Amino acid sequence: MNVLAFAASSSKQSINKQLATFTASLVKEANVEVLDLNEFEMPIYSSDRENESGIPVLAQQFFNKITQADAVIISFAEHNGSYTAAYKNIFDWASRINQKVFQNKAMVLLATSPGPGGAKSVLAAATGSAPFFAADVKASVSVPSFYDNFDMDTQRIANADILAQLQQAADLLAQ
């Protein structure tokens, strides 16, 4: 099974990238590719830009990464209660290739934050809209207070309850 994992964030120290990478490691017998959204930086989407220049090659490359995957794990950072600008822009460009951006792939949607909210607002928005973009969401998990629940030395979730939720979500991808 080929699993594509990424954080919906452009932060080089993204805790969401750590969470997505860790969760992908829980998928049994998976080949995991972890994307960095910084590799897909494009001009801000607008219909004018699309009409003038077409769809950027990087948008097609991002879309192709989803095509090549059997399953996708995304962990959402929350900026002011919503998606990061970096993720939203890549998603907007990819949706111009095909509105079914997620191509009926099995998906696990995650979110975390340093605080107790666990980025639940953006996770709810992502989980609610994903089916409109052909996502087969198997599970969604919010991880509150990331630094209290993730061991930075071992790069593993230290909280047994959260670990069990993430393992169950990873197991659902393989079904």
N, C-alpha and C. Protein backbone atom coordinates (compact mmCIF):
# COMPACT_ATOMS: atom_id res chain seq x y z
N MET A 1 0.84 -1.18 0.00
CA MET A 1 0.00 0.00 0.00
C MET A 1 0.89 1.24 0.00
N ASN A 2 0.58 2.18 -0.89
CA ASN A 2 1.30 3.44 -0.96
C ASN A 2 0.50 4.51 -0.24
N VAL A 3 1.11 5.08 0.81
CA VAL A 3 0.45 6.10 1.63
C VAL A 3 1.16 7.43 1.41
N LEU A 4 0.36 8.43 1.10
CA LEU A 4 0.85 9.79 0.97
C LEU A 4 0.46 10.53 2.25
N ALA A 5 1.42 11.16 2.90
CA ALA A 5 1.16 11.88 4.14
C ALA A 5 1.74 13.28 4.04
N PHE A 6 0.99 14.24 4.56
CA PHE A 6 1.51 15.59 4.61
C PHE A 6 0.75 16.43 5.62
N ALA A 7 1.41 17.51 6.01
CA ALA A 7 0.77 18.51 6.85
C ALA A 7 0.21 19.58 5.95
N ALA A 8 -0.97 20.07 6.27
CA ALA A 8 -1.57 21.18 5.53
C ALA A 8 -0.99 22.47 6.12
N SER A 9 0.33 22.57 6.01
CA SER A 9 1.09 23.67 6.60
C SER A 9 2.40 23.81 5.85
N SER A 10 2.91 25.03 5.82
CA SER A 10 4.22 25.25 5.20
C SER A 10 5.32 25.46 6.24
N SER A 11 5.00 25.30 7.50
CA SER A 11 5.99 25.47 8.56
C SER A 11 7.06 24.38 8.47
N LYS A 12 8.30 24.80 8.52
CA LYS A 12 9.41 23.83 8.47
C LYS A 12 9.48 23.00 9.76
N GLN A 13 8.94 23.52 10.86
CA GLN A 13 8.91 22.79 12.12
C GLN A 13 7.49 22.33 12.45
N SER A 14 6.73 22.01 11.44
CA SER A 14 5.30 21.71 11.61
C SER A 14 5.05 20.51 12.53
N ILE A 15 4.29 20.77 13.60
CA ILE A 15 3.87 19.67 14.46
C ILE A 15 2.86 18.79 13.72
N ASN A 16 2.14 19.36 12.77
CA ASN A 16 1.20 18.57 11.98
C ASN A 16 1.93 17.63 11.04
N LYS A 17 3.08 18.04 10.54
CA LYS A 17 3.89 17.13 9.72
C LYS A 17 4.40 15.97 10.58
N GLN A 18 4.79 16.27 11.82
CA GLN A 18 5.23 15.22 12.72
C GLN A 18 4.09 14.24 13.00
N LEU A 19 2.89 14.77 13.21
CA LEU A 19 1.74 13.92 13.48
C LEU A 19 1.38 13.07 12.26
N ALA A 20 1.36 13.67 11.08
CA ALA A 20 1.04 12.92 9.85
C ALA A 20 2.08 11.83 9.60
N THR A 21 3.34 12.16 9.79
CA THR A 21 4.43 11.20 9.57
C THR A 21 4.32 10.04 10.56
N PHE A 22 4.10 10.37 11.83
CA PHE A 22 3.96 9.32 12.84
C PHE A 22 2.77 8.42 12.52
N THR A 23 1.63 9.00 12.21
CA THR A 23 0.43 8.21 11.93
C THR A 23 0.65 7.32 10.71
N ALA A 24 1.31 7.83 9.70
CA ALA A 24 1.60 7.01 8.51
C ALA A 24 2.48 5.82 8.87
N SER A 25 3.36 6.00 9.86
CA SER A 25 4.23 4.90 10.27
C SER A 25 3.44 3.77 10.94
N LEU A 26 2.21 4.05 11.36
CA LEU A 26 1.37 3.04 11.99
C LEU A 26 0.63 2.16 10.98
N VAL A 27 0.64 2.56 9.72
CA VAL A 27 -0.04 1.77 8.68
C VAL A 27 0.85 0.58 8.36
N LYS A 28 0.32 -0.60 8.57
CA LYS A 28 1.11 -1.83 8.40
C LYS A 28 1.45 -2.06 6.93
N GLU A 29 2.71 -2.44 6.71
CA GLU A 29 3.22 -2.80 5.39
C GLU A 29 2.97 -1.72 4.35
N ALA A 30 3.20 -0.48 4.73
CA ALA A 30 2.97 0.64 3.81
C ALA A 30 4.28 1.24 3.34
N ASN A 31 4.26 1.66 2.09
CA ASN A 31 5.32 2.52 1.56
C ASN A 31 4.80 3.94 1.75
N VAL A 32 5.52 4.73 2.54
CA VAL A 32 5.05 6.06 2.90
C VAL A 32 5.88 7.12 2.19
N GLU A 33 5.18 8.08 1.59
CA GLU A 33 5.82 9.26 1.05
C GLU A 33 5.29 10.45 1.83
N VAL A 34 6.19 11.23 2.41
CA VAL A 34 5.81 12.41 3.17
C VAL A 34 6.13 13.63 2.31
N LEU A 35 5.08 14.39 2.00
CA LEU A 35 5.26 15.61 1.20
C LEU A 35 5.55 16.80 2.08
N ASP A 36 6.24 17.77 1.50
CA ASP A 36 6.45 19.07 2.11
C ASP A 36 5.75 20.09 1.20
N LEU A 37 4.74 20.77 1.71
CA LEU A 37 3.99 21.71 0.87
C LEU A 37 4.86 22.83 0.32
N ASN A 38 6.01 23.08 0.93
CA ASN A 38 6.91 24.11 0.40
C ASN A 38 7.40 23.76 -1.00
N GLU A 39 7.34 22.50 -1.36
CA GLU A 39 7.76 22.09 -2.70
C GLU A 39 6.71 22.39 -3.76
N PHE A 40 5.54 22.90 -3.33
CA PHE A 40 4.44 23.16 -4.25
C PHE A 40 3.97 24.62 -4.14
N GLU A 41 4.90 25.52 -3.88
CA GLU A 41 4.54 26.92 -3.74
C GLU A 41 4.23 27.52 -5.11
N MET A 42 3.05 28.12 -5.21
CA MET A 42 2.58 28.68 -6.48
C MET A 42 1.98 30.06 -6.24
N PRO A 43 1.75 30.80 -7.32
CA PRO A 43 1.05 32.08 -7.15
C PRO A 43 -0.33 31.84 -6.54
N ILE A 44 -0.84 32.85 -5.84
CA ILE A 44 -2.18 32.74 -5.26
C ILE A 44 -3.17 32.50 -6.39
N TYR A 45 -4.05 31.51 -6.18
CA TYR A 45 -5.02 31.18 -7.22
C TYR A 45 -5.97 32.35 -7.49
N SER A 46 -6.22 32.58 -8.75
CA SER A 46 -7.31 33.46 -9.19
C SER A 46 -7.72 33.00 -10.58
N SER A 47 -8.97 33.20 -10.92
CA SER A 47 -9.43 32.82 -12.26
C SER A 47 -8.69 33.61 -13.33
N ASP A 48 -8.33 34.87 -13.02
CA ASP A 48 -7.56 35.66 -13.98
C ASP A 48 -6.21 35.01 -14.27
N ARG A 49 -5.51 34.60 -13.20
CA ARG A 49 -4.22 33.93 -13.40
C ARG A 49 -4.39 32.64 -14.20
N GLU A 50 -5.42 31.88 -13.86
CA GLU A 50 -5.65 30.63 -14.58
C GLU A 50 -5.90 30.91 -16.06
N ASN A 51 -6.71 31.91 -16.38
CA ASN A 51 -7.01 32.24 -17.77
C ASN A 51 -5.79 32.75 -18.51
N GLU A 52 -4.93 33.49 -17.81
CA GLU A 52 -3.74 34.07 -18.44
C GLU A 52 -2.61 33.05 -18.62
N SER A 53 -2.41 32.21 -17.60
CA SER A 53 -1.22 31.35 -17.61
C SER A 53 -1.50 29.86 -17.53
N GLY A 54 -2.75 29.48 -17.33
CA GLY A 54 -3.07 28.07 -17.18
C GLY A 54 -2.78 27.59 -15.77
N ILE A 55 -2.87 26.30 -15.61
CA ILE A 55 -2.63 25.69 -14.30
C ILE A 55 -1.14 25.40 -14.14
N PRO A 56 -0.55 25.81 -13.02
CA PRO A 56 0.89 25.58 -12.83
C PRO A 56 1.24 24.09 -12.82
N VAL A 57 2.43 23.80 -13.29
CA VAL A 57 2.94 22.43 -13.32
C VAL A 57 2.96 21.84 -11.91
N LEU A 58 3.27 22.66 -10.91
CA LEU A 58 3.31 22.16 -9.53
C LEU A 58 1.95 21.67 -9.06
N ALA A 59 0.88 22.30 -9.52
CA ALA A 59 -0.47 21.84 -9.16
C ALA A 59 -0.71 20.45 -9.74
N GLN A 60 -0.28 20.24 -10.97
CA GLN A 60 -0.44 18.92 -11.59
C GLN A 60 0.42 17.89 -10.86
N GLN A 61 1.61 18.27 -10.46
CA GLN A 61 2.48 17.35 -9.73
C GLN A 61 1.85 16.95 -8.39
N PHE A 62 1.26 17.92 -7.69
CA PHE A 62 0.58 17.62 -6.43
C PHE A 62 -0.59 16.67 -6.68
N PHE A 63 -1.39 16.98 -7.67
CA PHE A 63 -2.54 16.13 -8.02
C PHE A 63 -2.06 14.72 -8.36
N ASN A 64 -0.97 14.61 -9.09
CA ASN A 64 -0.42 13.30 -9.47
C ASN A 64 0.04 12.51 -8.25
N LYS A 65 0.55 13.19 -7.23
CA LYS A 65 0.96 12.49 -6.00
C LYS A 65 -0.25 11.80 -5.37
N ILE A 66 -1.39 12.47 -5.38
CA ILE A 66 -2.61 11.86 -4.85
C ILE A 66 -3.02 10.69 -5.74
N THR A 67 -2.93 10.86 -7.04
CA THR A 67 -3.28 9.80 -7.99
C THR A 67 -2.47 8.53 -7.71
N GLN A 68 -1.20 8.69 -7.44
CA GLN A 68 -0.29 7.55 -7.25
C GLN A 68 -0.47 6.86 -5.90
N ALA A 69 -1.14 7.50 -4.97
CA ALA A 69 -1.31 6.95 -3.62
C ALA A 69 -2.53 6.03 -3.55
N ASP A 70 -2.45 5.07 -2.65
CA ASP A 70 -3.61 4.24 -2.32
C ASP A 70 -4.41 4.86 -1.20
N ALA A 71 -3.73 5.62 -0.35
CA ALA A 71 -4.37 6.25 0.80
C ALA A 71 -3.63 7.55 1.11
N VAL A 72 -4.35 8.47 1.77
CA VAL A 72 -3.79 9.79 2.06
C VAL A 72 -4.04 10.12 3.54
N ILE A 73 -3.02 10.66 4.18
CA ILE A 73 -3.13 11.16 5.55
C ILE A 73 -2.76 12.64 5.51
N ILE A 74 -3.68 13.47 5.96
CA ILE A 74 -3.43 14.91 6.04
C ILE A 74 -3.63 15.34 7.49
N SER A 75 -2.68 16.13 8.00
CA SER A 75 -2.84 16.73 9.31
C SER A 75 -2.90 18.24 9.13
N PHE A 76 -4.01 18.82 9.59
CA PHE A 76 -4.30 20.22 9.35
C PHE A 76 -3.83 21.12 10.46
N ALA A 77 -3.02 22.11 10.11
CA ALA A 77 -2.72 23.21 11.01
C ALA A 77 -3.88 24.18 10.93
N GLU A 78 -4.11 24.89 12.01
CA GLU A 78 -5.22 25.84 12.05
C GLU A 78 -4.69 27.26 12.17
N HIS A 79 -5.03 28.08 11.20
CA HIS A 79 -4.69 29.50 11.24
C HIS A 79 -5.98 30.29 11.37
N ASN A 80 -6.15 30.94 12.49
CA ASN A 80 -7.35 31.75 12.73
C ASN A 80 -8.63 30.94 12.49
N GLY A 81 -8.63 29.69 12.92
CA GLY A 81 -9.82 28.85 12.84
C GLY A 81 -10.06 28.21 11.50
N SER A 82 -9.11 28.33 10.58
CA SER A 82 -9.33 27.80 9.23
C SER A 82 -8.04 27.19 8.67
N TYR A 83 -8.09 26.85 7.37
CA TYR A 83 -6.94 26.29 6.68
C TYR A 83 -5.79 27.29 6.61
N THR A 84 -4.57 26.78 6.50
CA THR A 84 -3.44 27.65 6.23
C THR A 84 -3.56 28.15 4.79
N ALA A 85 -3.01 29.31 4.53
CA ALA A 85 -3.03 29.87 3.17
C ALA A 85 -2.28 28.96 2.21
N ALA A 86 -1.18 28.37 2.67
CA ALA A 86 -0.37 27.51 1.79
C ALA A 86 -1.19 26.31 1.32
N TYR A 87 -1.87 25.63 2.24
CA TYR A 87 -2.68 24.46 1.85
C TYR A 87 -3.84 24.89 0.96
N LYS A 88 -4.55 25.92 1.36
CA LYS A 88 -5.73 26.35 0.61
C LYS A 88 -5.37 26.69 -0.83
N ASN A 89 -4.23 27.33 -1.03
CA ASN A 89 -3.82 27.70 -2.38
C ASN A 89 -3.52 26.47 -3.24
N ILE A 90 -2.78 25.52 -2.68
CA ILE A 90 -2.47 24.29 -3.43
C ILE A 90 -3.75 23.54 -3.74
N PHE A 91 -4.62 23.43 -2.75
CA PHE A 91 -5.89 22.75 -2.94
C PHE A 91 -6.72 23.45 -4.02
N ASP A 92 -6.79 24.78 -3.99
CA ASP A 92 -7.56 25.52 -4.99
C ASP A 92 -7.04 25.25 -6.40
N TRP A 93 -5.73 25.29 -6.58
CA TRP A 93 -5.17 25.00 -7.89
C TRP A 93 -5.48 23.56 -8.31
N ALA A 94 -5.29 22.61 -7.40
CA ALA A 94 -5.54 21.19 -7.74
C ALA A 94 -7.01 20.97 -8.10
N SER A 95 -7.90 21.69 -7.46
CA SER A 95 -9.33 21.51 -7.75
C SER A 95 -9.70 22.02 -9.13
N ARG A 96 -8.84 22.81 -9.73
CA ARG A 96 -9.08 23.27 -11.10
C ARG A 96 -8.70 22.20 -12.12
N ILE A 97 -7.88 21.26 -11.71
CA ILE A 97 -7.56 20.11 -12.56
C ILE A 97 -8.75 19.17 -12.57
N ASN A 98 -9.26 18.90 -11.37
CA ASN A 98 -10.43 18.04 -11.22
C ASN A 98 -11.01 18.33 -9.84
N GLN A 99 -12.30 18.64 -9.78
CA GLN A 99 -12.92 18.93 -8.49
C GLN A 99 -12.80 17.74 -7.54
N LYS A 100 -12.69 16.54 -8.07
CA LYS A 100 -12.52 15.34 -7.24
C LYS A 100 -11.04 15.18 -6.89
N VAL A 101 -10.51 16.19 -6.23
CA VAL A 101 -9.09 16.26 -5.89
C VAL A 101 -8.60 14.97 -5.22
N PHE A 102 -9.41 14.42 -4.33
CA PHE A 102 -8.95 13.27 -3.54
C PHE A 102 -9.22 11.93 -4.21
N GLN A 103 -9.87 11.93 -5.36
CA GLN A 103 -9.93 10.78 -6.26
C GLN A 103 -10.40 9.49 -5.59
N ASN A 104 -11.32 9.61 -4.66
CA ASN A 104 -11.90 8.46 -3.94
C ASN A 104 -10.88 7.67 -3.14
N LYS A 105 -9.81 8.31 -2.74
CA LYS A 105 -8.78 7.66 -1.93
C LYS A 105 -9.26 7.53 -0.48
N ALA A 106 -8.88 6.43 0.15
CA ALA A 106 -9.10 6.28 1.59
C ALA A 106 -8.25 7.32 2.29
N MET A 107 -8.86 8.01 3.27
CA MET A 107 -8.14 9.10 3.92
C MET A 107 -8.33 9.08 5.43
N VAL A 108 -7.30 9.54 6.12
CA VAL A 108 -7.39 9.86 7.54
C VAL A 108 -7.04 11.33 7.65
N LEU A 109 -7.93 12.07 8.30
CA LEU A 109 -7.73 13.49 8.51
C LEU A 109 -7.40 13.73 9.98
N LEU A 110 -6.36 14.49 10.21
CA LEU A 110 -5.86 14.76 11.54
C LEU A 110 -5.72 16.27 11.74
N ALA A 111 -5.56 16.66 12.97
CA ALA A 111 -5.23 18.05 13.30
C ALA A 111 -4.62 18.07 14.69
N THR A 112 -3.71 18.99 14.89
CA THR A 112 -3.15 19.19 16.22
C THR A 112 -2.77 20.65 16.37
N SER A 113 -2.59 21.04 17.63
CA SER A 113 -2.14 22.39 17.96
C SER A 113 -1.43 22.31 19.32
N PRO A 114 -0.68 23.35 19.66
CA PRO A 114 -0.03 23.35 20.96
C PRO A 114 -1.04 23.46 22.11
N GLY A 115 -2.21 24.00 21.84
CA GLY A 115 -3.20 24.23 22.88
C GLY A 115 -4.24 23.13 22.97
N PRO A 116 -5.15 23.26 23.91
CA PRO A 116 -6.13 22.21 24.18
C PRO A 116 -7.21 22.05 23.11
N GLY A 117 -7.32 23.01 22.19
CA GLY A 117 -8.35 22.91 21.15
C GLY A 117 -8.06 21.88 20.08
N GLY A 118 -6.79 21.53 19.90
CA GLY A 118 -6.42 20.49 18.94
C GLY A 118 -6.80 20.81 17.50
N ALA A 119 -6.94 22.09 17.16
CA ALA A 119 -7.29 22.52 15.80
C ALA A 119 -8.60 21.89 15.32
N LYS A 120 -9.53 21.75 16.25
CA LYS A 120 -10.81 21.09 15.93
C LYS A 120 -11.63 21.85 14.90
N SER A 121 -11.52 23.17 14.86
CA SER A 121 -12.32 23.95 13.90
C SER A 121 -11.95 23.61 12.46
N VAL A 122 -10.66 23.62 12.17
CA VAL A 122 -10.24 23.31 10.80
C VAL A 122 -10.49 21.84 10.47
N LEU A 123 -10.33 20.97 11.45
CA LEU A 123 -10.59 19.55 11.21
C LEU A 123 -12.07 19.32 10.88
N ALA A 124 -12.95 20.01 11.57
CA ALA A 124 -14.38 19.89 11.28
C ALA A 124 -14.69 20.40 9.87
N ALA A 125 -14.07 21.50 9.49
CA ALA A 125 -14.29 22.03 8.14
C ALA A 125 -13.77 21.05 7.08
N ALA A 126 -12.59 20.50 7.31
CA ALA A 126 -12.00 19.57 6.35
C ALA A 126 -12.82 18.29 6.25
N THR A 127 -13.23 17.76 7.38
CA THR A 127 -14.02 16.52 7.39
C THR A 127 -15.38 16.74 6.74
N GLY A 128 -15.96 17.91 6.97
CA GLY A 128 -17.27 18.20 6.40
C GLY A 128 -17.23 18.40 4.89
N SER A 129 -16.16 18.98 4.38
CA SER A 129 -16.10 19.27 2.95
C SER A 129 -15.45 18.16 2.13
N ALA A 130 -14.68 17.30 2.75
CA ALA A 130 -13.91 16.28 2.02
C ALA A 130 -14.74 15.43 1.06
N PRO A 131 -15.94 14.97 1.45
CA PRO A 131 -16.71 14.14 0.51
C PRO A 131 -17.07 14.86 -0.80
N PHE A 132 -17.18 16.18 -0.77
CA PHE A 132 -17.48 16.94 -1.99
C PHE A 132 -16.31 16.90 -2.97
N PHE A 133 -15.14 16.53 -2.46
CA PHE A 133 -13.94 16.48 -3.28
C PHE A 133 -13.44 15.04 -3.43
N ALA A 134 -14.38 14.10 -3.32
CA ALA A 134 -14.13 12.67 -3.55
C ALA A 134 -13.14 12.07 -2.57
N ALA A 135 -13.28 12.40 -1.29
CA ALA A 135 -12.47 11.78 -0.25
C ALA A 135 -13.29 10.69 0.43
N ASP A 136 -12.67 9.56 0.64
CA ASP A 136 -13.28 8.47 1.40
C ASP A 136 -12.68 8.53 2.81
N VAL A 137 -13.24 9.40 3.65
CA VAL A 137 -12.67 9.63 4.98
C VAL A 137 -12.99 8.45 5.89
N LYS A 138 -11.96 7.74 6.28
CA LYS A 138 -12.10 6.58 7.16
C LYS A 138 -12.13 6.96 8.63
N ALA A 139 -11.42 8.06 8.97
CA ALA A 139 -11.35 8.49 10.37
C ALA A 139 -10.81 9.92 10.42
N SER A 140 -11.14 10.59 11.52
CA SER A 140 -10.53 11.89 11.80
C SER A 140 -10.21 11.93 13.28
N VAL A 141 -9.04 12.49 13.60
CA VAL A 141 -8.57 12.53 14.98
C VAL A 141 -7.95 13.89 15.25
N SER A 142 -8.39 14.52 16.33
CA SER A 142 -7.78 15.76 16.81
C SER A 142 -6.89 15.42 17.99
N VAL A 143 -5.68 15.95 17.96
CA VAL A 143 -4.73 15.74 19.05
C VAL A 143 -4.51 17.08 19.76
N PRO A 144 -5.06 17.23 20.96
CA PRO A 144 -4.88 18.49 21.70
C PRO A 144 -3.48 18.55 22.33
N SER A 145 -3.08 19.74 22.67
CA SER A 145 -1.84 19.95 23.46
C SER A 145 -0.71 19.07 22.97
N PHE A 146 -0.31 19.28 21.72
CA PHE A 146 0.66 18.41 21.05
C PHE A 146 1.89 18.12 21.90
N TYR A 147 2.48 19.15 22.47
CA TYR A 147 3.75 18.96 23.19
C TYR A 147 3.58 18.17 24.49
N ASP A 148 2.36 18.09 25.00
CA ASP A 148 2.09 17.26 26.17
C ASP A 148 1.85 15.80 25.78
N ASN A 149 1.49 15.55 24.53
CA ASN A 149 1.10 14.21 24.10
C ASN A 149 2.04 13.56 23.10
N PHE A 150 3.06 14.28 22.67
CA PHE A 150 4.01 13.75 21.68
C PHE A 150 5.40 13.83 22.27
N ASP A 151 6.11 12.73 22.28
CA ASP A 151 7.47 12.68 22.80
C ASP A 151 8.42 13.11 21.69
N MET A 152 8.99 14.27 21.82
CA MET A 152 9.86 14.82 20.78
C MET A 152 11.13 14.00 20.60
N ASP A 153 11.59 13.33 21.64
CA ASP A 153 12.81 12.52 21.53
C ASP A 153 12.59 11.28 20.69
N THR A 154 11.46 10.60 20.93
CA THR A 154 11.20 9.35 20.21
C THR A 154 10.34 9.56 18.97
N GLN A 155 9.78 10.79 18.82
CA GLN A 155 8.88 11.11 17.70
C GLN A 155 7.67 10.20 17.67
N ARG A 156 7.13 9.95 18.87
CA ARG A 156 5.96 9.08 19.02
C ARG A 156 4.94 9.72 19.95
N ILE A 157 3.70 9.37 19.75
CA ILE A 157 2.63 9.79 20.66
C ILE A 157 2.85 9.08 22.00
N ALA A 158 2.86 9.84 23.07
CA ALA A 158 3.09 9.28 24.40
C ALA A 158 1.79 8.96 25.13
N ASN A 159 0.70 9.58 24.74
CA ASN A 159 -0.60 9.37 25.38
C ASN A 159 -1.24 8.10 24.83
N ALA A 160 -1.50 7.12 25.69
CA ALA A 160 -2.01 5.81 25.26
C ALA A 160 -3.37 5.90 24.59
N ASP A 161 -4.25 6.76 25.09
CA ASP A 161 -5.58 6.89 24.49
C ASP A 161 -5.50 7.45 23.08
N ILE A 162 -4.69 8.49 22.91
CA ILE A 162 -4.53 9.10 21.58
C ILE A 162 -3.83 8.12 20.64
N LEU A 163 -2.83 7.42 21.15
CA LEU A 163 -2.14 6.42 20.33
C LEU A 163 -3.13 5.37 19.83
N ALA A 164 -4.02 4.92 20.68
CA ALA A 164 -5.02 3.93 20.27
C ALA A 164 -5.94 4.48 19.18
N GLN A 165 -6.33 5.75 19.31
CA GLN A 165 -7.17 6.37 18.27
C GLN A 165 -6.44 6.44 16.94
N LEU A 166 -5.18 6.82 16.98
CA LEU A 166 -4.39 6.92 15.75
C LEU A 166 -4.13 5.56 15.13
N GLN A 167 -3.88 4.55 15.97
CA GLN A 167 -3.68 3.19 15.44
C GLN A 167 -4.95 2.68 14.77
N GLN A 168 -6.09 2.92 15.41
CA GLN A 168 -7.36 2.50 14.82
C GLN A 168 -7.58 3.21 13.48
N ALA A 169 -7.29 4.49 13.41
CA ALA A 169 -7.44 5.23 12.17
C ALA A 169 -6.52 4.67 11.09
N ALA A 170 -5.27 4.40 11.45
CA ALA A 170 -4.31 3.83 10.48
C ALA A 170 -4.77 2.47 10.01
N ASP A 171 -5.30 1.65 10.90
CA ASP A 171 -5.79 0.32 10.53
C ASP A 171 -6.94 0.40 9.54
N LEU A 172 -7.76 1.44 9.66
CA LEU A 172 -8.91 1.58 8.74
C LEU A 172 -8.46 1.87 7.31
N LEU A 173 -7.29 2.45 7.14
CA LEU A 173 -6.80 2.71 5.79
C LEU A 173 -6.51 1.42 5.02
N ALA A 174 -6.12 0.40 5.74
CA ALA A 174 -5.74 -0.86 5.10
C ALA A 174 -6.92 -1.75 4.79
N GLN A 175 -8.11 -1.38 5.24
CA GLN A 175 -9.28 -2.24 5.02
C GLN A 175 -9.92 -1.98 3.68
